[in-house]
Amino acid sequence: MGGSRSVFLIAIKFTTLRHFYAEADHVCDRLVQNLISFRYEDALNIY
C-alpha cells in the first residue's frame, strides 16, 4: 500500500511540474512575442 501511495505522489509531482513548466513556457513565449513586436514597432517609428 505504501509503495503505490508514493508512486501516486510522484505522479502528482510530475504532473504539477509539467503543468508549471508548460505555463512558464507559455509566459516566456508571450514575453518573447511582446519583445519582438515592441522592437518591430520601434523600428517602424524610427523610419
N, C-alpha and C. Protein backbone atom coordinates (compact mmCIF):
# COMPACT_ATOMS: atom_id res chain seq x y z
N MET A 1 0.84 -1.20 0.00
CA MET A 1 0.00 0.00 0.00
C MET A 1 0.88 1.26 0.00
N GLY A 2 1.90 1.27 0.85
CA GLY A 2 2.75 2.45 0.92
C GLY A 2 3.48 2.71 -0.38
N GLY A 3 3.90 1.63 -1.06
CA GLY A 3 4.63 1.81 -2.32
C GLY A 3 3.76 2.46 -3.38
N SER A 4 2.52 2.02 -3.50
CA SER A 4 1.63 2.59 -4.52
C SER A 4 1.32 4.05 -4.19
N ARG A 5 1.27 4.36 -2.89
CA ARG A 5 0.97 5.74 -2.49
C ARG A 5 2.11 6.67 -2.90
N SER A 6 3.36 6.21 -2.72
CA SER A 6 4.50 7.05 -3.10
C SER A 6 4.53 7.24 -4.62
N VAL A 7 4.20 6.19 -5.35
CA VAL A 7 4.14 6.30 -6.81
C VAL A 7 3.08 7.33 -7.20
N PHE A 8 1.95 7.29 -6.50
CA PHE A 8 0.87 8.24 -6.75
C PHE A 8 1.35 9.67 -6.50
N LEU A 9 2.07 9.87 -5.38
CA LEU A 9 2.58 11.20 -5.05
C LEU A 9 3.58 11.67 -6.09
N ILE A 10 4.46 10.77 -6.54
CA ILE A 10 5.45 11.13 -7.56
C ILE A 10 4.73 11.52 -8.85
N ALA A 11 3.68 10.77 -9.19
CA ALA A 11 2.91 11.10 -10.40
C ALA A 11 2.29 12.49 -10.27
N ILE A 12 1.76 12.81 -9.09
CA ILE A 12 1.18 14.14 -8.87
C ILE A 12 2.25 15.21 -9.01
N LYS A 13 3.44 14.96 -8.43
CA LYS A 13 4.53 15.93 -8.53
C LYS A 13 4.90 16.16 -9.99
N PHE A 14 5.04 15.06 -10.75
CA PHE A 14 5.41 15.19 -12.16
C PHE A 14 4.35 15.99 -12.92
N THR A 15 3.08 15.70 -12.64
CA THR A 15 2.00 16.39 -13.35
C THR A 15 2.03 17.88 -13.06
N THR A 16 2.20 18.24 -11.77
CA THR A 16 2.22 19.66 -11.43
C THR A 16 3.46 20.33 -12.01
N LEU A 17 4.61 19.62 -11.99
CA LEU A 17 5.84 20.17 -12.57
C LEU A 17 5.65 20.41 -14.06
N ARG A 18 5.09 19.42 -14.75
CA ARG A 18 4.87 19.57 -16.19
C ARG A 18 3.92 20.72 -16.46
N HIS A 19 2.88 20.84 -15.65
CA HIS A 19 1.93 21.94 -15.80
C HIS A 19 2.64 23.28 -15.58
N PHE A 20 3.49 23.33 -14.53
CA PHE A 20 4.22 24.55 -14.21
C PHE A 20 5.16 24.93 -15.36
N TYR A 21 5.88 23.93 -15.88
CA TYR A 21 6.81 24.21 -16.97
C TYR A 21 6.07 24.65 -18.23
N ALA A 22 4.94 24.01 -18.50
CA ALA A 22 4.15 24.40 -19.67
C ALA A 22 3.67 25.84 -19.51
N GLU A 23 3.26 26.19 -18.30
CA GLU A 23 2.79 27.55 -18.02
C GLU A 23 3.94 28.54 -18.18
N ALA A 24 5.11 28.20 -17.62
CA ALA A 24 6.28 29.08 -17.74
C ALA A 24 6.68 29.23 -19.20
N ASP A 25 6.61 28.12 -19.95
CA ASP A 25 6.95 28.15 -21.37
C ASP A 25 6.01 29.10 -22.10
N HIS A 26 4.72 29.03 -21.76
CA HIS A 26 3.71 29.89 -22.38
C HIS A 26 4.02 31.35 -22.07
N VAL A 27 4.35 31.64 -20.82
CA VAL A 27 4.67 33.01 -20.41
C VAL A 27 5.90 33.51 -21.15
N CYS A 28 6.92 32.66 -21.27
CA CYS A 28 8.15 33.04 -21.99
C CYS A 28 7.83 33.34 -23.45
N ASP A 29 6.98 32.50 -24.06
CA ASP A 29 6.59 32.74 -25.45
C ASP A 29 5.93 34.10 -25.59
N ARG A 30 5.02 34.42 -24.68
CA ARG A 30 4.34 35.71 -24.72
C ARG A 30 5.33 36.86 -24.56
N LEU A 31 6.28 36.71 -23.63
CA LEU A 31 7.29 37.75 -23.41
C LEU A 31 8.12 37.96 -24.66
N VAL A 32 8.57 36.87 -25.27
CA VAL A 32 9.39 36.97 -26.48
C VAL A 32 8.59 37.63 -27.60
N GLN A 33 7.34 37.23 -27.76
CA GLN A 33 6.49 37.82 -28.80
C GLN A 33 6.30 39.31 -28.54
N ASN A 34 6.09 39.69 -27.29
CA ASN A 34 5.93 41.11 -26.95
C ASN A 34 7.20 41.88 -27.25
N LEU A 35 8.36 41.32 -26.88
CA LEU A 35 9.63 41.97 -27.16
C LEU A 35 9.81 42.18 -28.65
N ILE A 36 9.54 41.13 -29.44
CA ILE A 36 9.71 41.22 -30.89
C ILE A 36 8.76 42.27 -31.47
N SER A 37 7.50 42.27 -31.02
CA SER A 37 6.53 43.23 -31.56
C SER A 37 6.91 44.65 -31.14
N PHE A 38 7.40 44.83 -29.91
CA PHE A 38 7.83 46.16 -29.47
C PHE A 38 9.00 46.64 -30.31
N ARG A 39 9.99 45.76 -30.52
CA ARG A 39 11.15 46.12 -31.34
C ARG A 39 10.69 46.49 -32.74
N TYR A 40 9.74 45.71 -33.27
CA TYR A 40 9.24 45.95 -34.62
C TYR A 40 8.55 47.30 -34.69
N GLU A 41 7.73 47.61 -33.69
CA GLU A 41 7.05 48.91 -33.66
C GLU A 41 8.06 50.04 -33.52
N ASP A 42 9.08 49.84 -32.69
CA ASP A 42 10.12 50.86 -32.53
C ASP A 42 10.82 51.10 -33.86
N ALA A 43 11.12 50.03 -34.58
CA ALA A 43 11.78 50.16 -35.88
C ALA A 43 10.88 50.93 -36.84
N LEU A 44 9.58 50.65 -36.79
CA LEU A 44 8.64 51.37 -37.67
C LEU A 44 8.59 52.84 -37.28
N ASN A 45 8.63 53.13 -35.98
CA ASN A 45 8.58 54.52 -35.53
C ASN A 45 9.83 55.29 -35.94
N ILE A 46 10.98 54.60 -35.96
CA ILE A 46 12.23 55.28 -36.31
C ILE A 46 12.19 55.72 -37.77
N TYR A 47 11.71 54.82 -38.63
CA TYR A 47 11.73 55.16 -40.06
C TYR A 47 10.57 56.08 -40.42
